[in-house]
Amino acid sequence: MPKLKTHKGAAKRFKKTATGKVKRHHSHLRHMLTSKGQKRKDKLAKSVLVSDADTPKVLRMIPYA
């Protein structure tokens, strides 16, 4: 059986937690920040877990992470 290749785009965006869940960051925090409220920016700065529906697909893309 050949080795699986890591999807490099996914490897840069997702990290596995110690319990096997997957963390991700929010989008919309790169530019035009003056028109966004501070509460919204604070929420966008925090990392969150990938949804249960998307987790299996992401885990297939980062098999060795």
N, C-alpha and C. Protein backbone atom coordinates (compact mmCIF):
# COMPACT_ATOMS: atom_id res chain seq x y z
N MET A 1 0.86 -1.18 0.00
CA MET A 1 0.00 0.00 0.00
C MET A 1 0.90 1.24 0.00
N PRO A 2 0.70 2.16 -0.94
CA PRO A 2 1.55 3.36 -0.98
C PRO A 2 1.18 4.32 0.15
N LYS A 3 2.12 5.21 0.41
CA LYS A 3 1.86 6.23 1.42
C LYS A 3 0.82 7.21 0.89
N LEU A 4 0.09 7.83 1.82
CA LEU A 4 -0.88 8.86 1.45
C LEU A 4 -0.17 10.21 1.39
N LYS A 5 -0.58 11.02 0.45
CA LYS A 5 0.00 12.36 0.34
C LYS A 5 -0.84 13.34 1.14
N THR A 6 -0.16 14.21 1.88
CA THR A 6 -0.83 15.28 2.61
C THR A 6 -1.24 16.37 1.64
N HIS A 7 -2.46 16.87 1.78
CA HIS A 7 -2.92 18.01 0.99
C HIS A 7 -2.29 19.25 1.62
N LYS A 8 -1.34 19.86 0.93
CA LYS A 8 -0.55 20.94 1.52
C LYS A 8 -1.38 22.17 1.85
N GLY A 9 -2.41 22.45 1.05
CA GLY A 9 -3.29 23.59 1.35
C GLY A 9 -4.03 23.37 2.65
N ALA A 10 -4.48 22.13 2.86
CA ALA A 10 -5.20 21.81 4.10
C ALA A 10 -4.25 21.79 5.29
N ALA A 11 -3.03 21.33 5.09
CA ALA A 11 -2.06 21.26 6.18
C ALA A 11 -1.74 22.64 6.75
N LYS A 12 -1.82 23.65 5.90
CA LYS A 12 -1.55 25.02 6.35
C LYS A 12 -2.74 25.63 7.07
N ARG A 13 -3.94 25.08 6.86
CA ARG A 13 -5.15 25.68 7.41
C ARG A 13 -5.71 24.98 8.63
N PHE A 14 -5.40 23.71 8.80
CA PHE A 14 -6.00 22.92 9.87
C PHE A 14 -4.94 22.30 10.76
N LYS A 15 -5.28 22.15 12.06
CA LYS A 15 -4.40 21.48 13.01
C LYS A 15 -5.24 20.49 13.80
N LYS A 16 -4.64 19.35 14.11
CA LYS A 16 -5.33 18.35 14.92
C LYS A 16 -5.11 18.66 16.39
N THR A 17 -6.13 18.45 17.22
CA THR A 17 -6.00 18.60 18.66
C THR A 17 -5.53 17.27 19.24
N ALA A 18 -5.22 17.26 20.51
CA ALA A 18 -4.74 16.04 21.16
C ALA A 18 -5.80 14.94 21.18
N THR A 19 -7.07 15.33 21.14
CA THR A 19 -8.15 14.34 21.18
C THR A 19 -8.60 13.91 19.78
N GLY A 20 -7.94 14.44 18.74
CA GLY A 20 -8.26 14.02 17.38
C GLY A 20 -9.25 14.91 16.66
N LYS A 21 -9.69 15.98 17.29
CA LYS A 21 -10.57 16.92 16.61
C LYS A 21 -9.72 17.85 15.73
N VAL A 22 -10.37 18.67 14.91
CA VAL A 22 -9.63 19.52 13.99
C VAL A 22 -9.98 20.98 14.25
N LYS A 23 -8.94 21.82 14.38
CA LYS A 23 -9.12 23.25 14.60
C LYS A 23 -8.96 24.00 13.29
N ARG A 24 -9.65 25.14 13.20
CA ARG A 24 -9.51 26.01 12.04
C ARG A 24 -9.64 27.46 12.50
N HIS A 25 -9.27 28.38 11.62
CA HIS A 25 -9.42 29.80 11.91
C HIS A 25 -10.56 30.37 11.08
N HIS A 26 -11.09 31.51 11.52
CA HIS A 26 -12.14 32.19 10.79
C HIS A 26 -11.55 32.96 9.61
N SER A 27 -12.40 33.25 8.65
CA SER A 27 -12.01 34.11 7.54
C SER A 27 -12.48 35.54 7.83
N HIS A 28 -12.28 36.44 6.88
CA HIS A 28 -12.74 37.85 6.94
C HIS A 28 -11.98 38.68 7.97
N LEU A 29 -10.71 38.40 8.18
CA LEU A 29 -9.95 39.19 9.17
C LEU A 29 -8.66 39.72 8.55
N ARG A 30 -8.62 39.92 7.24
CA ARG A 30 -7.40 40.34 6.57
C ARG A 30 -7.37 41.83 6.21
N HIS A 31 -8.48 42.36 5.77
CA HIS A 31 -8.48 43.76 5.34
C HIS A 31 -9.87 44.35 5.53
N MET A 32 -9.97 45.67 5.36
CA MET A 32 -11.22 46.43 5.59
C MET A 32 -11.73 46.20 7.01
N LEU A 33 -10.84 46.29 7.97
CA LEU A 33 -11.21 46.00 9.35
C LEU A 33 -11.86 47.19 10.05
N THR A 34 -11.73 48.39 9.47
CA THR A 34 -12.31 49.56 10.12
C THR A 34 -13.83 49.53 10.07
N SER A 35 -14.40 48.84 9.08
CA SER A 35 -15.86 48.79 8.98
C SER A 35 -16.47 47.65 9.79
N LYS A 36 -15.63 46.87 10.46
CA LYS A 36 -16.12 45.76 11.28
C LYS A 36 -16.03 46.12 12.75
N GLY A 37 -17.02 45.74 13.51
CA GLY A 37 -17.04 46.07 14.93
C GLY A 37 -15.99 45.29 15.71
N GLN A 38 -15.63 45.81 16.87
CA GLN A 38 -14.59 45.17 17.68
C GLN A 38 -15.04 43.79 18.17
N LYS A 39 -16.31 43.68 18.53
CA LYS A 39 -16.82 42.38 19.01
C LYS A 39 -16.72 41.33 17.90
N ARG A 40 -17.06 41.73 16.68
CA ARG A 40 -16.97 40.82 15.54
C ARG A 40 -15.53 40.41 15.27
N LYS A 41 -14.60 41.38 15.34
CA LYS A 41 -13.19 41.07 15.10
C LYS A 41 -12.62 40.16 16.18
N ASP A 42 -13.04 40.37 17.42
CA ASP A 42 -12.58 39.51 18.52
C ASP A 42 -13.03 38.07 18.31
N LYS A 43 -14.27 37.89 17.85
CA LYS A 43 -14.77 36.54 17.60
C LYS A 43 -14.05 35.89 16.43
N LEU A 44 -13.78 36.68 15.38
CA LEU A 44 -13.10 36.13 14.21
C LEU A 44 -11.65 35.75 14.51
N ALA A 45 -11.05 36.35 15.52
CA ALA A 45 -9.65 36.07 15.83
C ALA A 45 -9.47 34.74 16.54
N LYS A 46 -10.53 34.20 17.10
CA LYS A 46 -10.42 32.94 17.85
C LYS A 46 -10.54 31.75 16.92
N SER A 47 -9.86 30.67 17.26
CA SER A 47 -9.98 29.45 16.47
C SER A 47 -11.17 28.64 16.96
N VAL A 48 -11.73 27.85 16.06
CA VAL A 48 -12.90 27.02 16.37
C VAL A 48 -12.66 25.62 15.82
N LEU A 49 -13.52 24.69 16.19
CA LEU A 49 -13.43 23.33 15.69
C LEU A 49 -14.16 23.22 14.35
N VAL A 50 -13.65 22.37 13.48
CA VAL A 50 -14.31 22.08 12.22
C VAL A 50 -15.61 21.35 12.54
N SER A 51 -16.66 21.60 11.74
CA SER A 51 -17.95 20.98 12.00
C SER A 51 -17.85 19.46 11.86
N ASP A 52 -18.76 18.77 12.53
CA ASP A 52 -18.75 17.30 12.52
C ASP A 52 -18.91 16.75 11.11
N ALA A 53 -19.67 17.42 10.27
CA ALA A 53 -19.90 16.95 8.91
C ALA A 53 -18.63 17.04 8.06
N ASP A 54 -17.80 18.05 8.30
CA ASP A 54 -16.60 18.27 7.49
C ASP A 54 -15.36 17.57 8.04
N THR A 55 -15.39 17.14 9.29
CA THR A 55 -14.20 16.57 9.92
C THR A 55 -13.63 15.37 9.18
N PRO A 56 -14.43 14.38 8.76
CA PRO A 56 -13.84 13.23 8.07
C PRO A 56 -13.09 13.61 6.79
N LYS A 57 -13.63 14.56 6.04
CA LYS A 57 -12.98 14.99 4.80
C LYS A 57 -11.65 15.67 5.10
N VAL A 58 -11.61 16.52 6.12
CA VAL A 58 -10.38 17.22 6.49
C VAL A 58 -9.34 16.22 7.00
N LEU A 59 -9.76 15.26 7.79
CA LEU A 59 -8.83 14.28 8.32
C LEU A 59 -8.20 13.43 7.22
N ARG A 60 -8.94 13.18 6.15
CA ARG A 60 -8.36 12.44 5.02
C ARG A 60 -7.29 13.27 4.33
N MET A 61 -7.44 14.60 4.36
CA MET A 61 -6.47 15.46 3.70
C MET A 61 -5.19 15.64 4.51
N ILE A 62 -5.28 15.46 5.85
CA ILE A 62 -4.08 15.60 6.70
C ILE A 62 -3.86 14.30 7.48
N PRO A 63 -3.49 13.22 6.80
CA PRO A 63 -3.42 11.91 7.46
C PRO A 63 -2.34 11.81 8.53
N TYR A 64 -1.24 12.55 8.42
CA TYR A 64 -0.12 12.37 9.35
C TYR A 64 0.07 13.55 10.28
N ALA A 65 -0.82 14.52 10.25
CA ALA A 65 -0.68 15.72 11.09
C ALA A 65 -0.92 15.39 12.55
